[in-house]
Amino acid sequence: MQWVGAAIALLLGLGGGYYFRRSLGEAKIGSAEAEAKRLLDEAVKAVDTKKREVLLEAKGEAENTRRSVGRESVRSSAHRKTSVNKEESLDRRQEP
């Protein structure tokens, strides 16, 4: 009879140990999943922030380029007008 009691105690110990170990493993997995989700959310926020910064910088550079092209266009137009006026003036001088 003593062997039966020992066998039952052994089975209960194994079952309890298995349940405890499984519960501990599930808790670790749950906390690891929560940490992974937190890190992922943090990374997404960092990417969004960087994306906004890059877009703002690109918009600023585009505006600077537009202004520069506009100034250059005005200069080029003024230069063309001056050249045309000089040619017309020379043409008038050469006419009898």
PDB file of N, CA and C in Angstrom:
ATOM      1  N   MET A   1       0.812  -1.187   0.000  1.00  0.00           N
ATOM      2  CA  MET A   1       0.000   0.000   0.000  1.00  0.00           C
ATOM      3  C   MET A   1       0.866   1.266   0.000  1.00  0.00           C
ATOM      4  N   GLN A   2       2.002   1.102   0.557  1.00  0.00           N
ATOM      5  CA  GLN A   2       2.887   2.242   0.629  1.00  0.00           C
ATOM      6  C   GLN A   2       3.317   2.674  -0.775  1.00  0.00           C
ATOM      7  N   TRP A   3       3.474   1.729  -1.652  1.00  0.00           N
ATOM      8  CA  TRP A   3       3.880   2.027  -3.013  1.00  0.00           C
ATOM      9  C   TRP A   3       2.781   2.780  -3.765  1.00  0.00           C
ATOM     10  N   VAL A   4       1.567   2.464  -3.453  1.00  0.00           N
ATOM     11  CA  VAL A   4       0.440   3.132  -4.118  1.00  0.00           C
ATOM     12  C   VAL A   4       0.407   4.604  -3.695  1.00  0.00           C
ATOM     13  N   GLY A   5       0.592   4.858  -2.409  1.00  0.00           N
ATOM     14  CA  GLY A   5       0.606   6.232  -1.902  1.00  0.00           C
ATOM     15  C   GLY A   5       1.765   7.021  -2.505  1.00  0.00           C
ATOM     16  N   ALA A   6       2.916   6.357  -2.632  1.00  0.00           N
ATOM     17  CA  ALA A   6       4.080   7.012  -3.214  1.00  0.00           C
ATOM     18  C   ALA A   6       3.841   7.307  -4.693  1.00  0.00           C
ATOM     19  N   ALA A   7       3.199   6.372  -5.399  1.00  0.00           N
ATOM     20  CA  ALA A   7       2.900   6.564  -6.826  1.00  0.00           C
ATOM     21  C   ALA A   7       1.920   7.718  -7.010  1.00  0.00           C
ATOM     22  N   ILE A   8       0.890   7.783  -6.142  1.00  0.00           N
ATOM     23  CA  ILE A   8      -0.092   8.871  -6.226  1.00  0.00           C
ATOM     24  C   ILE A   8       0.598  10.207  -5.922  1.00  0.00           C
ATOM     25  N   ALA A   9       1.445  10.239  -4.908  1.00  0.00           N
ATOM     26  CA  ALA A   9       2.163  11.469  -4.559  1.00  0.00           C
ATOM     27  C   ALA A   9       3.070  11.894  -5.718  1.00  0.00           C
ATOM     28  N   LEU A  10       3.726  10.912  -6.334  1.00  0.00           N
ATOM     29  CA  LEU A  10       4.585  11.198  -7.464  1.00  0.00           C
ATOM     30  C   LEU A  10       3.788  11.794  -8.626  1.00  0.00           C
ATOM     31  N   LEU A  11       2.653  11.192  -8.947  1.00  0.00           N
ATOM     32  CA  LEU A  11       1.803  11.700 -10.033  1.00  0.00           C
ATOM     33  C   LEU A  11       1.274  13.101  -9.724  1.00  0.00           C
ATOM     34  N   LEU A  12       0.860  13.309  -8.470  1.00  0.00           N
ATOM     35  CA  LEU A  12       0.383  14.646  -8.085  1.00  0.00           C
ATOM     36  C   LEU A  12       1.512  15.669  -8.167  1.00  0.00           C
ATOM     37  N   GLY A  13       2.700  15.278  -7.762  1.00  0.00           N
ATOM     38  CA  GLY A  13       3.860  16.175  -7.832  1.00  0.00           C
ATOM     39  C   GLY A  13       4.211  16.500  -9.271  1.00  0.00           C
ATOM     40  N   LEU A  14       4.209  15.487 -10.122  1.00  0.00           N
ATOM     41  CA  LEU A  14       4.498  15.721 -11.537  1.00  0.00           C
ATOM     42  C   LEU A  14       3.427  16.613 -12.183  1.00  0.00           C
ATOM     43  N   GLY A  15       2.173  16.324 -11.890  1.00  0.00           N
ATOM     44  CA  GLY A  15       1.065  17.132 -12.436  1.00  0.00           C
ATOM     45  C   GLY A  15       1.147  18.566 -11.946  1.00  0.00           C
ATOM     46  N   GLY A  16       1.396  18.753 -10.645  1.00  0.00           N
ATOM     47  CA  GLY A  16       1.517  20.105 -10.087  1.00  0.00           C
ATOM     48  C   GLY A  16       2.713  20.837 -10.668  1.00  0.00           C
ATOM     49  N   GLY A  17       3.837  20.140 -10.819  1.00  0.00           N
ATOM     50  CA  GLY A  17       5.037  20.738 -11.391  1.00  0.00           C
ATOM     51  C   GLY A  17       4.813  21.144 -12.845  1.00  0.00           C
ATOM     52  N   TYR A  18       4.124  20.259 -13.602  1.00  0.00           N
ATOM     53  CA  TYR A  18       3.821  20.555 -14.987  1.00  0.00           C
ATOM     54  C   TYR A  18       2.938  21.792 -15.082  1.00  0.00           C
ATOM     55  N   TYR A  19       1.897  21.840 -14.276  1.00  0.00           N
ATOM     56  CA  TYR A  19       0.968  22.979 -14.291  1.00  0.00           C
ATOM     57  C   TYR A  19       1.704  24.268 -13.910  1.00  0.00           C
ATOM     58  N   PHE A  20       2.537  24.205 -12.866  1.00  0.00           N
ATOM     59  CA  PHE A  20       3.284  25.376 -12.416  1.00  0.00           C
ATOM     60  C   PHE A  20       4.236  25.860 -13.519  1.00  0.00           C
ATOM     61  N   ARG A  21       4.951  24.921 -14.126  1.00  0.00           N
ATOM     62  CA  ARG A  21       5.911  25.268 -15.172  1.00  0.00           C
ATOM     63  C   ARG A  21       5.198  25.860 -16.387  1.00  0.00           C
ATOM     64  N   ARG A  22       4.054  25.295 -16.736  1.00  0.00           N
ATOM     65  CA  ARG A  22       3.282  25.814 -17.871  1.00  0.00           C
ATOM     66  C   ARG A  22       2.780  27.226 -17.587  1.00  0.00           C
ATOM     67  N   SER A  23       2.278  27.437 -16.393  1.00  0.00           N
ATOM     68  CA  SER A  23       1.787  28.753 -16.011  1.00  0.00           C
ATOM     69  C   SER A  23       2.917  29.783 -16.035  1.00  0.00           C
ATOM     70  N   LEU A  24       4.081  29.404 -15.524  1.00  0.00           N
ATOM     71  CA  LEU A  24       5.233  30.289 -15.519  1.00  0.00           C
ATOM     72  C   LEU A  24       5.664  30.610 -16.945  1.00  0.00           C
ATOM     73  N   GLY A  25       5.682  29.621 -17.810  1.00  0.00           N
ATOM     74  CA  GLY A  25       6.047  29.824 -19.215  1.00  0.00           C
ATOM     75  C   GLY A  25       5.065  30.751 -19.922  1.00  0.00           C
ATOM     76  N   GLU A  26       3.775  30.563 -19.677  1.00  0.00           N
ATOM     77  CA  GLU A  26       2.763  31.422 -20.294  1.00  0.00           C
ATOM     78  C   GLU A  26       2.901  32.866 -19.813  1.00  0.00           C
ATOM     79  N   ALA A  27       3.227  33.031 -18.538  1.00  0.00           N
ATOM     80  CA  ALA A  27       3.414  34.378 -18.004  1.00  0.00           C
ATOM     81  C   ALA A  27       4.615  35.051 -18.660  1.00  0.00           C
ATOM     82  N   LYS A  28       5.702  34.302 -18.853  1.00  0.00           N
ATOM     83  CA  LYS A  28       6.887  34.858 -19.510  1.00  0.00           C
ATOM     84  C   LYS A  28       6.580  35.214 -20.964  1.00  0.00           C
ATOM     85  N   ILE A  29       5.852  34.342 -21.631  1.00  0.00           N
ATOM     86  CA  ILE A  29       5.481  34.613 -23.019  1.00  0.00           C
ATOM     87  C   ILE A  29       4.603  35.855 -23.098  1.00  0.00           C
ATOM     88  N   GLY A  30       3.651  35.965 -22.161  1.00  0.00           N
ATOM     89  CA  GLY A  30       2.768  37.134 -22.144  1.00  0.00           C
ATOM     90  C   GLY A  30       3.541  38.425 -21.937  1.00  0.00           C
ATOM     91  N   SER A  31       4.500  38.411 -21.014  1.00  0.00           N
ATOM     92  CA  SER A  31       5.271  39.633 -20.775  1.00  0.00           C
ATOM     93  C   SER A  31       6.206  39.920 -21.955  1.00  0.00           C
ATOM     94  N   ALA A  32       6.731  38.882 -22.605  1.00  0.00           N
ATOM     95  CA  ALA A  32       7.580  39.083 -23.784  1.00  0.00           C
ATOM     96  C   ALA A  32       6.761  39.661 -24.934  1.00  0.00           C
ATOM     97  N   GLU A  33       5.528  39.180 -25.103  1.00  0.00           N
ATOM     98  CA  GLU A  33       4.667  39.722 -26.155  1.00  0.00           C
ATOM     99  C   GLU A  33       4.327  41.185 -25.880  1.00  0.00           C
ATOM    100  N   ALA A  34       4.056  41.500 -24.622  1.00  0.00           N
ATOM    101  CA  ALA A  34       3.752  42.888 -24.261  1.00  0.00           C
ATOM    102  C   ALA A  34       4.960  43.785 -24.519  1.00  0.00           C
ATOM    103  N   GLU A  35       6.147  43.322 -24.189  1.00  0.00           N
ATOM    104  CA  GLU A  35       7.365  44.090 -24.428  1.00  0.00           C
ATOM    105  C   GLU A  35       7.604  44.268 -25.923  1.00  0.00           C
ATOM    106  N   ALA A  36       7.364  43.217 -26.699  1.00  0.00           N
ATOM    107  CA  ALA A  36       7.528  43.308 -28.151  1.00  0.00           C
ATOM    108  C   ALA A  36       6.542  44.315 -28.737  1.00  0.00           C
ATOM    109  N   LYS A  37       5.314  44.303 -28.271  1.00  0.00           N
ATOM    110  CA  LYS A  37       4.307  45.250 -28.755  1.00  0.00           C
ATOM    111  C   LYS A  37       4.715  46.679 -28.391  1.00  0.00           C
ATOM    112  N   ARG A  38       5.215  46.878 -27.178  1.00  0.00           N
ATOM    113  CA  ARG A  38       5.652  48.202 -26.750  1.00  0.00           C
ATOM    114  C   ARG A  38       6.800  48.703 -27.628  1.00  0.00           C
ATOM    115  N   LEU A  39       7.774  47.820 -27.883  1.00  0.00           N
ATOM    116  CA  LEU A  39       8.911  48.192 -28.726  1.00  0.00           C
ATOM    117  C   LEU A  39       8.469  48.494 -30.154  1.00  0.00           C
ATOM    118  N   LEU A  40       7.538  47.708 -30.664  1.00  0.00           N
ATOM    119  CA  LEU A  40       7.031  47.943 -32.010  1.00  0.00           C
ATOM    120  C   LEU A  40       6.302  49.279 -32.102  1.00  0.00           C
ATOM    121  N   ASP A  41       5.463  49.568 -31.112  1.00  0.00           N
ATOM    122  CA  ASP A  41       4.752  50.851 -31.086  1.00  0.00           C
ATOM    123  C   ASP A  41       5.734  52.021 -31.015  1.00  0.00           C
ATOM    124  N   GLU A  42       6.762  51.854 -30.212  1.00  0.00           N
ATOM    125  CA  GLU A  42       7.790  52.887 -30.072  1.00  0.00           C
ATOM    126  C   GLU A  42       8.519  53.103 -31.402  1.00  0.00           C
ATOM    127  N   ALA A  43       8.829  52.012 -32.091  1.00  0.00           N
ATOM    128  CA  ALA A  43       9.517  52.105 -33.376  1.00  0.00           C
ATOM    129  C   ALA A  43       8.626  52.784 -34.421  1.00  0.00           C
ATOM    130  N   VAL A  44       7.351  52.457 -34.424  1.00  0.00           N
ATOM    131  CA  VAL A  44       6.413  53.069 -35.376  1.00  0.00           C
ATOM    132  C   VAL A  44       6.337  54.576 -35.124  1.00  0.00           C
ATOM    133  N   LYS A  45       6.276  54.973 -33.857  1.00  0.00           N
ATOM    134  CA  LYS A  45       6.231  56.402 -33.528  1.00  0.00           C
ATOM    135  C   LYS A  45       7.507  57.105 -33.992  1.00  0.00           C
ATOM    136  N   ALA A  46       8.655  56.454 -33.783  1.00  0.00           N
ATOM    137  CA  ALA A  46       9.931  57.046 -34.195  1.00  0.00           C
ATOM    138  C   ALA A  46       9.984  57.202 -35.713  1.00  0.00           C
ATOM    139  N   VAL A  47       9.491  56.211 -36.434  1.00  0.00           N
ATOM    140  CA  VAL A  47       9.478  56.277 -37.895  1.00  0.00           C
ATOM    141  C   VAL A  47       8.549  57.395 -38.359  1.00  0.00           C
ATOM    142  N   ASP A  48       7.382  57.515 -37.747  1.00  0.00           N
ATOM    143  CA  ASP A  48       6.446  58.576 -38.109  1.00  0.00           C
ATOM    144  C   ASP A  48       7.055  59.955 -37.865  1.00  0.00           C
ATOM    145  N   THR A  49       7.733  60.096 -36.737  1.00  0.00           N
ATOM    146  CA  THR A  49       8.376  61.367 -36.418  1.00  0.00           C
ATOM    147  C   THR A  49       9.456  61.695 -37.448  1.00  0.00           C
ATOM    148  N   LYS A  50      10.286  60.722 -37.770  1.00  0.00           N
ATOM    149  CA  LYS A  50      11.355  60.917 -38.748  1.00  0.00           C
ATOM    150  C   LYS A  50      10.757  61.240 -40.116  1.00  0.00           C
ATOM    151  N   LYS A  51       9.670  60.573 -40.466  1.00  0.00           N
ATOM    152  CA  LYS A  51       9.011  60.814 -41.751  1.00  0.00           C
ATOM    153  C   LYS A  51       8.530  62.260 -41.831  1.00  0.00           C
ATOM    154  N   ARG A  52       7.916  62.743 -40.756  1.00  0.00           N
ATOM    155  CA  ARG A  52       7.453  64.132 -40.733  1.00  0.00           C
ATOM    156  C   ARG A  52       8.621  65.101 -40.867  1.00  0.00           C
ATOM    157  N   GLU A  53       9.716  64.820 -40.165  1.00  0.00           N
ATOM    158  CA  GLU A  53      10.898  65.680 -40.253  1.00  0.00           C
ATOM    159  C   GLU A  53      11.446  65.735 -41.672  1.00  0.00           C
ATOM    160  N   VAL A  54      11.532  64.578 -42.316  1.00  0.00           N
ATOM    161  CA  VAL A  54      12.070  64.512 -43.674  1.00  0.00           C
ATOM    162  C   VAL A  54      11.145  65.239 -44.644  1.00  0.00           C
ATOM    163  N   LEU A  55       9.831  65.063 -44.483  1.00  0.00           N
ATOM    164  CA  LEU A  55       8.883  65.752 -45.360  1.00  0.00           C
ATOM    165  C   LEU A  55       8.981  67.268 -45.198  1.00  0.00           C
ATOM    166  N   LEU A  56       9.083  67.728 -43.966  1.00  0.00           N
ATOM    167  CA  LEU A  56       9.218  69.170 -43.741  1.00  0.00           C
ATOM    168  C   LEU A  56      10.504  69.704 -44.360  1.00  0.00           C
ATOM    169  N   GLU A  57      11.574  68.950 -44.203  1.00  0.00           N
ATOM    170  CA  GLU A  57      12.854  69.369 -44.782  1.00  0.00           C
ATOM    171  C   GLU A  57      12.765  69.403 -46.305  1.00  0.00           C
ATOM    172  N   ALA A  58      12.116  68.386 -46.890  1.00  0.00           N
ATOM    173  CA  ALA A  58      11.973  68.335 -48.348  1.00  0.00           C
ATOM    174  C   ALA A  58      11.110  69.494 -48.844  1.00  0.00           C
ATOM    175  N   LYS A  59      10.047  69.810 -48.112  1.00  0.00           N
ATOM    176  CA  LYS A  59       9.198  70.936 -48.504  1.00  0.00           C
ATOM    177  C   LYS A  59       9.987  72.239 -48.464  1.00  0.00           C
ATOM    178  N   GLY A  60      10.799  72.410 -47.441  1.00  0.00           N
ATOM    179  CA  GLY A  60      11.615  73.607 -47.327  1.00  0.00           C
ATOM    180  C   GLY A  60      12.607  73.715 -48.469  1.00  0.00           C
ATOM    181  N   GLU A  61      13.251  72.606 -48.801  1.00  0.00           N
ATOM    182  CA  GLU A  61      14.206  72.603 -49.905  1.00  0.00           C
ATOM    183  C   GLU A  61      13.500  72.881 -51.231  1.00  0.00           C
ATOM    184  N   ALA A  62      12.307  72.313 -51.403  1.00  0.00           N
ATOM    185  CA  ALA A  62      11.548  72.551 -52.634  1.00  0.00           C
ATOM    186  C   ALA A  62      11.178  74.028 -52.750  1.00  0.00           C
ATOM    187  N   GLU A  63      10.775  74.629 -51.658  1.00  0.00           N
ATOM    188  CA  GLU A  63      10.423  76.052 -51.666  1.00  0.00           C
ATOM    189  C   GLU A  63      11.647  76.901 -51.987  1.00  0.00           C
ATOM    190  N   ASN A  64      12.785  76.566 -51.395  1.00  0.00           N
ATOM    191  CA  ASN A  64      14.025  77.300 -51.691  1.00  0.00           C
ATOM    192  C   ASN A  64      14.395  77.168 -53.164  1.00  0.00           C
ATOM    193  N   THR A  65      14.226  75.972 -53.716  1.00  0.00           N
ATOM    194  CA  THR A  65      14.531  75.750 -55.129  1.00  0.00           C
ATOM    195  C   THR A  65      13.586  76.561 -56.009  1.00  0.00           C
ATOM    196  N   ARG A  66      12.289  76.567 -55.659  1.00  0.00           N
ATOM    197  CA  ARG A  66      11.320  77.361 -56.419  1.00  0.00           C
ATOM    198  C   ARG A  66      11.696  78.837 -56.425  1.00  0.00           C
ATOM    199  N   ARG A  67      12.051  79.337 -55.254  1.00  0.00           N
ATOM    200  CA  ARG A  67      12.447  80.750 -55.158  1.00  0.00           C
ATOM    201  C   ARG A  67      13.681  81.035 -56.003  1.00  0.00           C
ATOM    202  N   SER A  68      14.654  80.144 -55.915  1.00  0.00           N
ATOM    203  CA  SER A  68      15.891  80.316 -56.668  1.00  0.00           C
ATOM    204  C   SER A  68      15.614  80.298 -58.169  1.00  0.00           C
ATOM    205  N   VAL A  69      14.787  79.351 -58.606  1.00  0.00           N
ATOM    206  CA  VAL A  69      14.437  79.267 -60.020  1.00  0.00           C
ATOM    207  C   VAL A  69      13.668  80.517 -60.439  1.00  0.00           C
ATOM    208  N   GLY A  70      12.797  80.999 -59.586  1.00  0.00           N
ATOM    209  CA  GLY A  70      12.051  82.219 -59.885  1.00  0.00           C
ATOM    210  C   GLY A  70      12.973  83.405 -60.050  1.00  0.00           C
ATOM    211  N   ARG A  71      13.934  83.553 -59.141  1.00  0.00           N
ATOM    212  CA  ARG A  71      14.901  84.662 -59.239  1.00  0.00           C
ATOM    213  C   ARG A  71      15.726  84.543 -60.519  1.00  0.00           C
ATOM    214  N   GLU A  72      16.153  83.317 -60.812  1.00  0.00           N
ATOM    215  CA  GLU A  72      16.953  83.089 -62.005  1.00  0.00           C
ATOM    216  C   GLU A  72      16.128  83.387 -63.257  1.00  0.00           C
ATOM    217  N   SER A  73      14.871  83.031 -63.242  1.00  0.00           N
ATOM    218  CA  SER A  73      13.986  83.303 -64.367  1.00  0.00           C
ATOM    219  C   SER A  73      13.827  84.798 -64.580  1.00  0.00           C
ATOM    220  N   VAL A  74      13.670  85.542 -63.495  1.00  0.00           N
ATOM    221  CA  VAL A  74      13.550  86.998 -63.596  1.00  0.00           C
ATOM    222  C   VAL A  74      14.834  87.593 -64.157  1.00  0.00           C
ATOM    223  N   ARG A  75      15.975  87.134 -63.670  1.00  0.00           N
ATOM    224  CA  ARG A  75      17.261  87.630 -64.171  1.00  0.00           C
ATOM    225  C   ARG A  75      17.419  87.327 -65.661  1.00  0.00           C
ATOM    226  N   SER A  76      17.077  86.080 -66.030  1.00  0.00           N
ATOM    227  CA  SER A  76      17.211  85.667 -67.421  1.00  0.00           C
ATOM    228  C   SER A  76      16.294  86.496 -68.312  1.00  0.00           C
ATOM    229  N   SER A  77      15.081  86.739 -67.854  1.00  0.00           N
ATOM    230  CA  SER A  77      14.127  87.537 -68.615  1.00  0.00           C
ATOM    231  C   SER A  77      14.635  88.967 -68.772  1.00  0.00           C
ATOM    232  N   ALA A  78      15.162  89.524 -67.698  1.00  0.00           N
ATOM    233  CA  ALA A  78      15.704  90.883 -67.751  1.00  0.00           C
ATOM    234  C   ALA A  78      16.899  90.933 -68.690  1.00  0.00           C
ATOM    235  N   HIS A  79      17.735  89.909 -68.652  1.00  0.00           N
ATOM    236  CA  HIS A  79      18.906  89.858 -69.526  1.00  0.00           C
ATOM    237  C   HIS A  79      18.466  89.786 -70.990  1.00  0.00           C
ATOM    238  N   ARG A  80      17.435  88.971 -71.281  1.00  0.00           N
ATOM    239  CA  ARG A  80      16.919  88.863 -72.646  1.00  0.00           C
ATOM    240  C   ARG A  80      16.372  90.203 -73.128  1.00  0.00           C
ATOM    241  N   LYS A  81      15.627  90.891 -72.262  1.00  0.00           N
ATOM    242  CA  LYS A  81      15.066  92.198 -72.638  1.00  0.00           C
ATOM    243  C   LYS A  81      16.184  93.191 -72.932  1.00  0.00           C
ATOM    244  N   THR A  82      17.210  93.165 -72.096  1.00  0.00           N
ATOM    245  CA  THR A  82      18.340  94.059 -72.308  1.00  0.00           C
ATOM    246  C   THR A  82      19.029  93.744 -73.632  1.00  0.00           C
ATOM    247  N   SER A  83      19.219  92.472 -73.925  1.00  0.00           N
ATOM    248  CA  SER A  83      19.859  92.065 -75.179  1.00  0.00           C
ATOM    249  C   SER A  83      19.015  92.483 -76.372  1.00  0.00           C
ATOM    250  N   VAL A  84      17.699  92.280 -76.287  1.00  0.00           N
ATOM    251  CA  VAL A  84      16.806  92.670 -77.383  1.00  0.00           C
ATOM    252  C   VAL A  84      16.859  94.177 -77.580  1.00  0.00           C
ATOM    253  N   ASN A  85      16.827  94.937 -76.488  1.00  0.00           N
ATOM    254  CA  ASN A  85      16.891  96.396 -76.586  1.00  0.00           C
ATOM    255  C   ASN A  85      18.193  96.855 -77.221  1.00  0.00           C
ATOM    256  N   LYS A  86      19.301  96.201 -76.859  1.00  0.00           N
ATOM    257  CA  LYS A  86      20.592  96.561 -77.443  1.00  0.00           C
ATOM    258  C   LYS A  86      20.595  96.267 -78.937  1.00  0.00           C
ATOM    259  N   GLU A  87      20.042  95.100 -79.313  1.00  0.00           N
ATOM    260  CA  GLU A  87      19.993  94.750 -80.738  1.00  0.00           C
ATOM    261  C   GLU A  87      19.136  95.758 -81.504  1.00  0.00           C
ATOM    262  N   GLU A  88      18.001  96.107 -80.952  1.00  0.00           N
ATOM    263  CA  GLU A  88      17.117  97.077 -81.609  1.00  0.00           C
ATOM    264  C   GLU A  88      17.809  98.424 -81.736  1.00  0.00           C
ATOM    265  N   SER A  89      18.530  98.794 -80.727  1.00  0.00           N
ATOM    266  CA  SER A  89      19.243 100.052 -80.756  1.00  0.00           C
ATOM    267  C   SER A  89      20.322 100.047 -81.834  1.00  0.00           C
ATOM    268  N   LEU A  90      21.043  98.938 -81.921  1.00  0.00           N
ATOM    269  CA  LEU A  90      22.072  98.809 -82.973  1.00  0.00           C
ATOM    270  C   LEU A  90      21.432  98.818 -84.357  1.00  0.00           C
ATOM    271  N   ASP A  91      20.303  98.102 -84.471  1.00  0.00           N
ATOM    272  CA  ASP A  91      19.614  98.084 -85.763  1.00  0.00           C
ATOM    273  C   ASP A  91      19.187  99.487 -86.168  1.00  0.00           C
ATOM    274  N   ARG A  92      18.679 100.282 -85.228  1.00  0.00           N
ATOM    275  CA  ARG A  92      18.247 101.636 -85.542  1.00  0.00           C
ATOM    276  C   ARG A  92      19.427 102.511 -85.955  1.00  0.00           C
ATOM    277  N   ARG A  93      20.550 102.321 -85.335  1.00  0.00           N
ATOM    278  CA  ARG A  93      21.740 103.113 -85.669  1.00  0.00           C
ATOM    279  C   ARG A  93      22.237 102.797 -87.071  1.00  0.00           C
ATOM    280  N   GLN A  94      22.106 101.527 -87.441  1.00  0.00           N
ATOM    281  CA  GLN A  94      22.634 101.100 -88.735  1.00  0.00           C
ATOM    282  C   GLN A  94      21.690 101.478 -89.890  1.00  0.00           C
ATOM    283  N   GLU A  95      20.450 101.747 -89.581  1.00  0.00           N
ATOM    284  CA  GLU A  95      19.489 102.120 -90.627  1.00  0.00           C
ATOM    285  C   GLU A  95      19.780 103.537 -91.097  1.00  0.00           C
ATOM    286  N   PRO A  96      19.674 103.789 -92.426  1.00  0.00           N
ATOM    287  CA  PRO A  96      19.969 105.128 -92.958  1.00  0.00           C
ATOM    288  C   PRO A  96      18.890 106.130 -92.675  1.00  0.00           C
TER     289      PRO A  96
END
